[in-house]
């Protein structure tokens, strides 16, 4: 089993550069850096679970898979380009993003999230 709570030390994370062509990352502001870890699943699987962290900055991307995420630390604003809705996320907040949605991550304060993703044809 895995359990994470806001403020937990999530352990070692690997560098996850913004280089997936399917996500079409576009850095809009600052020099954000991402890191993460898969605790279950990952590339080639239909389900993945893990931790993602990003430093301050603004990044546009296309979501890969349906993903339920909970913010463990930090502060960010997630903008869904489909409807223009802006979600202000802080520790303890959860949100479901949908596969193929174009979003903007405005990371106001370095953010760490736990995520569970699903993609029918695999990641």
Protein backbone atom coordinates (compact mmCIF):
# COMPACT_ATOMS: atom_id res chain seq x y z
CA UNK A 1 0.00 0.00 0.00
CA UNK A 2 0.96 3.61 -0.52
CA UNK A 3 -0.20 6.55 1.55
CA UNK A 4 0.77 10.18 1.23
CA UNK A 5 -0.47 13.15 3.25
CA UNK A 6 0.15 16.88 2.81
CA UNK A 7 3.58 17.69 4.18
CA UNK A 8 4.94 14.11 3.93
CA UNK A 9 8.50 13.53 2.78
CA UNK A 10 7.93 11.68 -0.51
CA UNK A 11 11.53 10.49 -0.87
CA UNK A 12 13.87 10.54 -3.85
CA UNK A 13 12.57 11.76 -7.23
CA UNK A 14 14.13 11.54 -10.68
CA UNK A 15 14.51 14.40 -13.16
CA UNK A 16 11.52 14.44 -15.55
CA UNK A 17 12.37 16.89 -18.33
CA UNK A 18 9.58 18.59 -20.30
CA UNK A 19 10.35 16.62 -23.46
CA UNK A 20 7.38 14.33 -24.24
CA UNK A 21 6.28 15.35 -27.76
CA UNK A 22 2.73 14.08 -27.11
CA UNK A 23 2.41 16.58 -24.25
CA UNK A 24 3.71 19.47 -26.43
CA UNK A 25 5.20 21.29 -23.43
CA UNK A 26 5.64 25.04 -23.81
CA UNK A 27 7.39 26.92 -21.03
CA UNK A 28 5.70 30.31 -20.77
CA UNK A 29 7.45 31.84 -17.78
CA UNK A 30 10.45 31.13 -15.58
CA UNK A 31 12.62 28.03 -15.65
CA UNK A 32 10.43 25.31 -14.10
CA UNK A 33 11.95 21.88 -13.52
CA UNK A 34 9.94 18.72 -12.99
CA UNK A 35 10.84 15.54 -11.16
CA UNK A 36 8.90 12.45 -10.25
CA UNK A 37 8.64 8.75 -9.62
CA UNK A 38 6.27 5.94 -10.54
CA UNK A 39 5.29 3.86 -7.52
CA UNK A 40 3.10 1.64 -9.73
CA UNK A 41 2.82 1.22 -13.51
CA UNK A 42 4.48 3.70 -15.82
CA UNK A 43 5.41 3.76 -19.52
CA UNK A 44 3.61 1.05 -21.48
CA UNK A 45 0.99 0.50 -18.77
CA UNK A 46 -2.65 1.61 -18.78
CA UNK A 47 -2.49 2.72 -15.13
CA UNK A 48 0.22 4.64 -13.30
CA UNK A 49 0.56 5.99 -9.78
CA UNK A 50 3.29 8.19 -8.39
CA UNK A 51 4.67 11.51 -7.29
CA UNK A 52 5.37 14.61 -9.39
CA UNK A 53 7.09 17.81 -8.34
CA UNK A 54 7.58 21.05 -10.24
CA UNK A 55 9.44 24.21 -9.36
CA UNK A 56 8.07 27.71 -9.86
CA UNK A 57 7.12 28.73 -13.40
CA UNK A 58 4.39 28.49 -16.03
CA UNK A 59 4.04 25.55 -18.46
CA UNK A 60 1.38 24.69 -21.06
CA UNK A 61 0.86 21.02 -21.91
CA UNK A 62 -1.61 18.47 -23.24
CA UNK A 63 -2.66 16.04 -20.52
CA UNK A 64 -1.80 12.40 -21.19
CA UNK A 65 -4.48 10.18 -19.70
CA UNK A 66 -7.21 10.82 -17.16
CA UNK A 67 -5.50 11.74 -13.90
CA UNK A 68 -6.68 12.17 -10.35
CA UNK A 69 -4.19 14.24 -8.42
CA UNK A 70 -3.90 15.57 -4.89
CA UNK A 71 -1.59 18.44 -3.98
CA UNK A 72 0.75 17.52 -1.11
CA UNK A 73 2.69 20.79 -0.91
CA UNK A 74 2.97 24.14 -2.63
CA UNK A 75 0.52 26.25 -4.59
CA UNK A 76 -0.45 26.27 -8.24
CA UNK A 77 -3.20 27.40 -10.59
CA UNK A 78 -4.34 24.95 -13.23
CA UNK A 79 -6.15 26.46 -16.23
CA UNK A 80 -8.25 24.18 -18.45
CA UNK A 81 -8.14 25.66 -21.97
CA UNK A 82 -11.31 23.75 -22.94
CA UNK A 83 -13.55 25.96 -20.81
CA UNK A 84 -11.16 28.58 -19.37
CA UNK A 85 -11.80 27.39 -15.80
CA UNK A 86 -8.96 28.20 -13.36
CA UNK A 87 -8.43 25.96 -10.33
CA UNK A 88 -6.44 27.34 -7.39
CA UNK A 89 -4.78 24.30 -5.78
CA UNK A 90 -3.13 24.00 -2.37
CA UNK A 91 -2.20 21.09 -0.06
CA UNK A 92 -5.08 18.66 0.34
CA UNK A 93 -6.89 19.77 -2.84
CA UNK A 94 -7.74 17.09 -5.40
CA UNK A 95 -8.71 17.45 -9.06
CA UNK A 96 -9.39 15.17 -12.03
CA UNK A 97 -7.85 16.17 -15.34
CA UNK A 98 -9.00 14.53 -18.56
CA UNK A 99 -6.98 12.94 -21.34
CA UNK A 100 -6.15 15.30 -24.19
CA UNK A 101 -7.02 18.54 -22.40
CA UNK A 102 -4.72 21.47 -22.97
CA UNK A 103 -3.84 23.02 -19.61
CA UNK A 104 -1.58 25.65 -18.10
CA UNK A 105 0.30 24.88 -14.90
CA UNK A 106 1.07 28.16 -13.14
CA UNK A 107 3.29 26.98 -10.30
CA UNK A 108 3.26 29.85 -7.80
CA UNK A 109 5.18 27.92 -5.12
CA UNK A 110 7.06 24.66 -5.81
CA UNK A 111 4.34 22.01 -5.93
CA UNK A 112 4.32 18.28 -5.15
CA UNK A 113 1.38 16.08 -6.09
CA UNK A 114 0.46 12.43 -5.85
CA UNK A 115 -1.31 11.14 -8.96
CA UNK A 116 -3.24 8.16 -10.31
CA UNK A 117 -3.53 8.11 -14.09
CA UNK A 118 -5.38 5.92 -16.59
CA UNK A 119 -5.03 5.77 -20.37
CA UNK A 120 -6.92 2.99 -22.17
CA UNK A 121 -4.27 2.52 -24.89
CA UNK A 122 -1.35 2.88 -22.47
CA UNK A 123 1.05 5.66 -21.56
